[in-house]
Protein backbone atom coordinates (compact mmCIF):
# COMPACT_ATOMS: atom_id res chain seq x y z
CA MET A 1 -11.26 45.15 -146.74
CA ARG A 2 -12.92 42.74 -149.31
CA LEU A 3 -10.46 40.20 -150.82
CA HIS A 4 -10.08 39.56 -154.45
CA ALA A 5 -9.06 35.97 -155.47
CA GLU A 6 -6.37 37.08 -157.85
CA THR A 7 -4.93 40.26 -156.45
CA GLY A 8 -5.60 40.17 -152.65
CA PRO A 9 -6.97 43.35 -150.84
CA VAL A 10 -8.40 46.15 -152.90
CA PRO A 11 -7.97 49.49 -150.96
CA VAL A 12 -10.89 51.80 -150.79
CA ILE A 13 -9.99 55.13 -152.39
CA ARG A 14 -10.46 58.10 -149.95
CA GLU A 15 -8.62 60.80 -151.91
CA VAL A 16 -9.48 61.69 -155.48
CA ARG A 17 -6.43 63.35 -157.12
CA PRO A 18 -6.51 65.58 -160.34
CA LEU A 19 -6.87 63.54 -163.56
CA SER A 20 -7.11 60.32 -161.56
CA ILE A 21 -10.57 59.26 -162.85
CA ARG A 22 -10.36 58.30 -166.56
CA GLY A 23 -13.35 56.51 -167.81
CA VAL A 24 -16.67 55.92 -169.50
CA ASN A 25 -20.29 55.47 -168.56
CA TYR A 26 -21.25 51.88 -169.30
CA TYR A 27 -24.13 49.79 -170.53
CA PRO A 28 -23.62 46.78 -172.78
CA ALA A 29 -24.26 47.41 -176.46
CA LEU A 30 -27.28 45.20 -176.94
CA THR A 31 -28.81 45.31 -173.45
CA PRO A 32 -28.71 48.84 -172.21
CA TRP A 33 -30.75 50.47 -169.53
CA SER A 34 -33.13 47.78 -167.87
CA GLY A 35 -31.60 45.05 -169.87
CA PHE A 36 -28.10 45.37 -168.21
CA TRP A 37 -28.71 43.45 -165.02
CA THR A 38 -31.54 41.24 -166.44
CA LYS A 39 -30.26 40.12 -169.80
CA THR A 40 -26.48 40.52 -170.27
CA PRO A 41 -24.36 37.44 -170.57
CA PRO A 42 -21.21 37.42 -168.36
CA GLU A 43 -18.87 37.04 -171.33
CA VAL A 44 -20.19 40.32 -172.79
CA ILE A 45 -19.18 42.23 -169.58
CA ALA A 46 -15.77 40.56 -169.56
CA ALA A 47 -15.15 41.59 -173.12
CA ASP A 48 -16.47 45.12 -172.52
CA MET A 49 -14.18 45.57 -169.57
CA ALA A 50 -11.11 44.48 -171.68
CA LEU A 51 -12.23 47.06 -174.40
CA THR A 52 -12.67 49.84 -171.75
CA ALA A 53 -9.01 49.14 -170.49
CA SER A 54 -7.65 49.25 -174.10
CA LEU A 55 -8.80 52.86 -174.10
CA ASN A 56 -6.53 53.61 -171.05
CA ALA A 57 -9.63 54.06 -168.84
CA ASN A 58 -9.51 52.99 -165.24
CA THR A 59 -13.20 53.77 -164.20
CA ILE A 60 -16.69 53.04 -165.43
CA ARG A 61 -19.90 54.46 -164.11
CA THR A 62 -23.08 52.55 -164.27
CA PHE A 63 -26.45 52.32 -162.53
CA LEU A 64 -28.07 50.17 -159.90
CA ASP A 65 -31.56 49.83 -161.22
CA PHE A 66 -34.58 49.53 -158.92
CA SER A 67 -37.63 49.22 -161.16
CA GLN A 68 -40.49 47.06 -162.31
CA HIS A 69 -37.90 45.29 -164.57
CA THR A 70 -35.67 44.29 -161.75
CA HIS A 71 -38.72 43.20 -159.72
CA ALA A 72 -39.97 40.95 -162.61
CA ALA A 73 -36.56 39.43 -162.94
CA GLY A 74 -36.50 38.53 -159.20
CA LEU A 75 -33.42 40.81 -158.47
CA THR A 76 -35.34 43.23 -156.24
CA MET A 77 -38.51 43.11 -154.22
CA PRO A 78 -41.06 46.14 -154.31
CA ASP A 79 -40.12 46.79 -150.67
CA GLY A 80 -36.41 47.46 -151.64
CA GLN A 81 -35.02 44.14 -150.68
CA VAL A 82 -32.09 43.08 -152.85
CA ALA A 83 -31.94 39.48 -153.88
CA ASP A 84 -28.52 37.53 -153.71
CA SER A 85 -28.71 37.12 -157.62
CA TYR A 86 -28.51 40.91 -157.98
CA PHE A 87 -25.36 40.97 -155.73
CA ALA A 88 -23.96 38.11 -157.77
CA LYS A 89 -24.29 40.20 -160.97
CA VAL A 90 -22.72 43.18 -159.50
CA ASP A 91 -19.84 40.88 -158.13
CA LEU A 92 -19.31 39.64 -161.66
CA LEU A 93 -19.01 43.19 -163.01
CA LEU A 94 -16.50 44.25 -160.23
CA ALA A 95 -14.36 41.24 -160.82
CA ALA A 96 -14.35 41.64 -164.59
CA GLY A 97 -13.40 45.36 -164.17
CA TRP A 98 -10.77 44.82 -161.47
CA LYS A 99 -9.05 42.17 -163.77
CA HIS A 100 -8.07 45.29 -165.83
CA GLY A 101 -7.54 47.68 -162.98
CA ILE A 102 -11.01 49.23 -163.48
CA ARG A 103 -13.02 50.69 -160.50
CA VAL A 104 -16.79 51.21 -160.66
CA ILE A 105 -18.93 54.20 -159.73
CA LEU A 106 -22.28 52.81 -158.77
CA CYS A 107 -25.20 55.11 -159.18
CA PHE A 108 -28.52 54.52 -157.42
CA SER A 109 -31.32 54.64 -160.11
CA LEU A 110 -34.50 54.78 -158.14
CA GLU A 111 -38.02 55.36 -159.52
CA GLN A 112 -39.12 58.80 -158.22
CA ALA A 113 -42.08 57.22 -156.36
CA THR A 114 -39.56 55.64 -153.89
CA GLY A 115 -38.53 59.07 -152.74
CA ALA A 116 -41.97 60.13 -151.54
CA GLY A 117 -43.30 59.80 -148.09
CA GLN A 118 -42.41 57.40 -145.20
CA ALA A 119 -43.18 54.30 -147.31
CA GLY A 120 -40.82 55.42 -150.14
CA ARG A 121 -38.17 56.38 -147.58
CA SER A 122 -38.22 52.78 -146.13
CA ILE A 123 -37.84 51.42 -149.70
CA TRP A 124 -34.87 53.43 -150.86
CA LYS A 125 -33.09 52.94 -147.49
CA ARG A 126 -33.48 49.21 -147.70
CA PHE A 127 -32.13 49.11 -151.26
CA MET A 128 -29.30 51.47 -150.52
CA ARG A 129 -28.35 49.59 -147.33
CA GLY A 130 -28.08 46.37 -149.00
CA PHE A 131 -25.47 47.54 -151.47
CA ALA A 132 -23.64 49.81 -149.05
CA GLN A 133 -23.31 46.97 -146.52
CA ARG A 134 -22.05 44.46 -148.92
CA TYR A 135 -19.40 46.64 -150.54
CA ALA A 136 -18.38 48.87 -147.63
CA ASP A 137 -14.91 47.38 -147.62
CA ASP A 138 -14.59 46.79 -151.38
CA GLY A 139 -12.12 49.17 -153.13
CA ARG A 140 -13.37 48.07 -156.57
CA VAL A 141 -16.27 50.34 -155.94
CA LEU A 142 -14.82 53.80 -156.34
CA MET A 143 -17.77 55.87 -155.06
CA TRP A 144 -21.46 55.94 -154.52
CA ASP A 145 -23.51 58.22 -156.82
CA LEU A 146 -26.69 58.96 -155.19
CA SER A 147 -28.74 60.32 -158.07
CA ASN A 148 -28.45 60.89 -161.88
CA GLU A 149 -29.27 64.51 -162.96
CA PRO A 150 -31.79 65.20 -160.22
CA ASP A 151 -31.48 68.98 -161.08
CA GLY A 152 -33.29 68.58 -164.40
CA ARG A 153 -37.02 68.30 -165.09
CA GLU A 154 -37.27 65.72 -162.18
CA TRP A 155 -36.25 68.18 -159.45
CA THR A 156 -39.13 68.11 -156.95
CA PRO A 157 -39.48 68.61 -153.18
CA ALA A 158 -39.39 64.77 -152.88
CA VAL A 159 -36.23 64.54 -154.80
CA GLU A 160 -34.64 67.34 -152.68
CA GLN A 161 -35.74 65.57 -149.45
CA TYR A 162 -34.26 62.31 -150.75
CA LEU A 163 -30.89 63.80 -151.32
CA ARG A 164 -30.93 65.66 -147.98
CA GLU A 165 -31.45 62.29 -146.15
CA ALA A 166 -29.60 59.91 -148.44
CA MET A 167 -26.13 61.58 -148.17
CA PRO A 168 -25.95 61.14 -144.33
CA PHE A 169 -27.74 57.94 -144.28
CA ILE A 170 -25.32 56.08 -146.55
CA LYS A 171 -22.49 57.23 -144.36
CA THR A 172 -24.10 55.51 -141.48
CA VAL A 173 -23.85 52.28 -143.36
CA ASP A 174 -20.62 52.80 -145.20
CA ASP A 175 -18.51 55.68 -144.08
CA ARG A 176 -15.38 54.69 -146.10
CA HIS A 177 -16.53 55.30 -149.59
CA LEU A 178 -16.82 58.79 -151.12
CA THR A 179 -20.24 60.07 -152.37
CA THR A 180 -21.13 62.06 -155.42
CA VAL A 181 -24.33 63.19 -157.28
CA GLY A 182 -24.58 63.33 -161.01
CA LEU A 183 -25.74 66.85 -161.54
CA ALA A 184 -26.74 68.18 -164.95
CA TRP A 185 -25.01 71.38 -163.66
CA ARG A 186 -27.28 73.14 -161.15
CA ILE A 187 -25.12 72.92 -158.14
CA ASP A 188 -27.21 75.79 -156.66
CA LEU A 189 -30.19 73.36 -156.21
CA LEU A 190 -27.94 70.68 -154.67
CA GLU A 191 -26.65 73.09 -152.15
CA LYS A 192 -30.18 73.11 -150.54
CA ALA A 193 -29.77 69.47 -149.83
CA GLY A 194 -26.06 69.40 -149.10
CA LEU A 195 -22.97 68.61 -151.14
CA PRO A 196 -21.34 65.24 -151.54
CA ASP A 197 -17.56 64.44 -151.18
CA VAL A 198 -17.08 64.77 -154.88
CA LEU A 199 -18.78 67.33 -157.09
CA GLN A 200 -19.98 65.92 -160.33
CA TYR A 201 -21.61 67.67 -163.31
CA HIS A 202 -22.44 66.56 -166.84
CA GLU A 203 -20.92 68.72 -169.68
CA TYR A 204 -23.58 69.05 -172.27
CA ALA A 205 -23.20 72.69 -173.25
CA PRO A 206 -24.51 73.49 -176.69
CA LYS A 207 -21.93 72.30 -179.32
CA ALA A 208 -22.02 75.88 -180.91
CA GLU A 209 -20.91 77.34 -177.65
CA LEU A 210 -18.25 74.68 -177.12
CA PHE A 211 -16.85 75.04 -180.65
CA ALA A 212 -16.87 78.85 -180.52
CA ASN A 213 -15.29 79.12 -177.06
CA GLY A 214 -13.34 75.90 -176.67
CA ALA A 215 -11.95 74.74 -173.35
CA GLU A 216 -12.63 78.21 -171.79
CA ARG A 217 -16.39 77.41 -171.99
CA VAL A 218 -15.99 74.16 -170.00
CA GLY A 219 -13.63 75.99 -167.54
CA ARG A 220 -16.39 78.42 -166.68
CA THR A 221 -18.60 75.64 -165.57
CA ILE A 222 -15.93 73.93 -163.47
CA ALA A 223 -15.26 77.21 -161.91
CA THR A 224 -18.94 77.63 -160.99
CA GLN A 225 -18.84 74.18 -159.34
CA ARG A 226 -15.76 75.19 -157.25
CA ARG A 227 -17.22 78.36 -156.08
CA SER A 228 -19.86 76.41 -154.35
CA GLY A 229 -17.89 73.24 -153.49
CA GLY A 230 -14.60 74.81 -152.26
CA THR A 231 -11.76 72.30 -152.23
CA ARG A 232 -14.01 69.33 -153.21
CA PRO A 233 -12.82 67.43 -156.37
CA VAL A 234 -14.85 68.23 -159.56
CA LEU A 235 -15.62 65.33 -161.78
CA ILE A 236 -17.13 65.66 -165.29
CA GLY A 237 -19.32 62.62 -164.90
CA GLU A 238 -20.73 62.70 -168.47
CA PHE A 239 -19.89 64.44 -171.77
CA GLY A 240 -20.29 63.54 -175.39
CA MET A 241 -22.16 63.95 -178.68
CA SER A 242 -24.31 61.81 -180.74
CA THR A 243 -22.93 61.12 -184.28
CA ALA A 244 -26.25 60.73 -185.82
CA ARG A 245 -25.36 63.27 -188.52
CA ASP A 246 -22.28 61.46 -189.74
CA PRO A 247 -22.65 60.96 -193.61
CA GLN A 248 -20.96 57.53 -193.47
CA HIS A 249 -21.87 55.94 -190.01
CA GLY A 250 -24.80 58.14 -188.91
CA ALA A 251 -28.54 57.58 -188.76
CA GLY A 252 -29.11 57.77 -192.57
CA THR A 253 -30.92 60.19 -194.81
CA ALA A 254 -34.35 59.13 -193.49
CA TRP A 255 -33.49 60.72 -190.13
CA GLN A 256 -31.81 63.94 -191.18
CA ASP A 257 -34.85 66.22 -191.13
CA ARG A 258 -35.89 64.80 -187.83
CA LEU A 259 -32.70 65.32 -185.94
CA PRO A 260 -32.33 68.15 -183.32
CA PRO A 261 -29.38 70.44 -183.45
CA ALA A 262 -27.27 68.62 -180.92
CA PRO A 263 -26.07 65.64 -182.98
CA GLY A 264 -23.03 65.99 -185.14
CA THR A 265 -20.59 64.00 -187.27
CA GLU A 266 -17.91 61.70 -185.96
CA ALA A 267 -15.37 64.52 -186.69
CA ASP A 268 -17.55 66.96 -184.49
CA GLN A 269 -17.60 64.30 -181.72
CA ALA A 270 -13.80 64.04 -181.83
CA LYS A 271 -13.44 67.81 -181.66
CA LEU A 272 -15.81 67.98 -178.70
CA TYR A 273 -13.72 65.24 -176.90
CA GLU A 274 -10.61 67.33 -177.53
CA ILE A 275 -12.17 70.42 -176.01
CA VAL A 276 -13.60 68.76 -172.85
CA LEU A 277 -10.57 66.68 -172.13
CA GLN A 278 -8.27 69.57 -172.69
CA ALA A 279 -10.40 71.70 -170.26
CA ALA A 280 -10.38 68.88 -167.64
CA GLU A 281 -6.60 68.74 -167.96
CA THR A 282 -5.98 72.43 -167.86
CA GLN A 283 -8.39 72.93 -164.83
CA ARG A 284 -7.05 69.84 -163.02
CA ALA A 285 -10.40 68.30 -162.67
CA ALA A 286 -10.71 64.92 -160.87
CA GLY A 287 -11.29 63.39 -164.29
CA ALA A 288 -13.85 62.78 -166.91
CA LEU A 289 -16.26 59.92 -167.91
CA ALA A 290 -17.39 59.86 -171.42
CA TRP A 291 -21.08 59.17 -172.37
CA CYS A 292 -20.72 56.44 -173.37
CA LEU A 293 -18.78 53.30 -174.36
CA HIS A 294 -21.26 51.80 -176.99
CA SER A 295 -23.65 53.04 -179.58
CA TYR A 296 -26.83 51.19 -179.19
CA PRO A 297 -28.86 49.53 -182.06
CA THR A 298 -32.16 51.23 -182.18
CA GLN A 299 -34.12 48.05 -182.85
CA GLU A 300 -32.52 46.34 -179.77
CA ALA A 301 -32.88 49.33 -177.45
CA GLY A 302 -36.57 49.74 -178.18
CA PHE A 303 -37.44 53.30 -177.24
CA LEU A 304 -34.08 54.73 -178.32
CA THR A 305 -33.95 56.91 -181.50
CA PRO A 306 -30.78 57.60 -183.43
CA PRO A 307 -29.79 60.91 -181.50
CA GLU A 308 -29.81 58.99 -178.24
CA SER A 309 -28.55 55.65 -179.46
CA MET A 310 -25.41 57.02 -181.23
CA PHE A 311 -23.37 58.57 -178.47
CA GLY A 312 -21.03 55.72 -178.22
CA LEU A 313 -17.24 55.55 -178.65
CA VAL A 314 -17.87 52.23 -180.39
CA ARG A 315 -19.87 52.00 -183.56
CA HIS A 316 -22.65 49.41 -184.03
CA ASP A 317 -20.17 47.12 -185.93
CA GLY A 318 -17.66 47.21 -183.02
CA SER A 319 -15.17 49.56 -184.64
CA LEU A 320 -13.88 52.64 -182.75
CA LYS A 321 -14.98 56.14 -183.66
CA PRO A 322 -12.24 58.86 -183.95
CA ALA A 323 -13.22 60.22 -180.49
CA ALA A 324 -12.18 56.91 -178.90
CA LEU A 325 -8.61 57.57 -180.15
CA VAL A 326 -8.71 61.13 -178.81
CA MET A 327 -9.71 59.80 -175.49
CA ARG A 328 -7.16 56.99 -175.46
CA ASN A 329 -4.36 59.47 -176.13
CA ALA A 330 -5.55 61.94 -173.46
CA PHE A 331 -5.99 59.20 -170.80
CA ARG A 332 -2.40 57.97 -171.64
CA ARG A 333 -1.14 61.47 -171.03
CA TRP A 334 -3.16 61.90 -167.77
CA ALA A 335 -1.89 58.62 -166.45
CA ALA A 336 1.79 59.80 -166.80
CA SER A 337 0.89 63.15 -165.23
CA PRO A 338 2.53 63.83 -161.80
């Protein structure tokens, strides 16, 4: 059991109870995606964990990047080796989170090429082994997430083979932590490779369906997961809405004709949060993780356009959107639930 300087031993969680996971997906506001591990100052992470805790959250989900960006920064080697400097950054995140009682779901984000053939297999195993060995006894890590939305356009025989091998492999290194896979929703595909300890799907049903059918629409998807997964806990690993159409805080008039149907206003986002969180509560799901804590300035994030960059609970100016208050109140209620 890994020791923490301020609080002593942090137990590894082996049982996920209903409504016990209350959280957000996390990247820093100004350095999302590849910039997280390569550019984020420690004080930003510390402030973000305090902000997360103020929303009554106890969990974040984020991504262990293995890419050309981490190679260039000296955090990883192309053969899958992990540098001590990468571990130090993850240690910093875990310590900043646990200061506020926040555990972390770490999702392996591997370029698809690493999953193909014997050479690719050696790469992802070396990368995964490095983290799993280091944190096998560390309860600040809530669980290992082996892939993000592999059942979308990226589902290939190589991805299926990776999942088929990765789930038993990580247990040979760390048999204490639970595993999950961040499905879009196609559990029928994941069944071919094998199911993890905790089922996870991402709730992005069309907003028209959610608004028309309410929590019942979310409940149907949860029921589908349970039909395949039996008694396994079901976690809503992502849900949310871009607020790019908001007349006051949205993307502005120049973008209105170019936005797809999915974005809405801040009032729409708050309504969606009410629906999804009510469904999770009614269905006694393991919990829910909003996508995401921050909205990202498009000029800082590079490739992001306003639909993708405006999902956050926190506006560009640091103020909270109404959905953040909806979530904070729901999580307070969940924390008091028997």
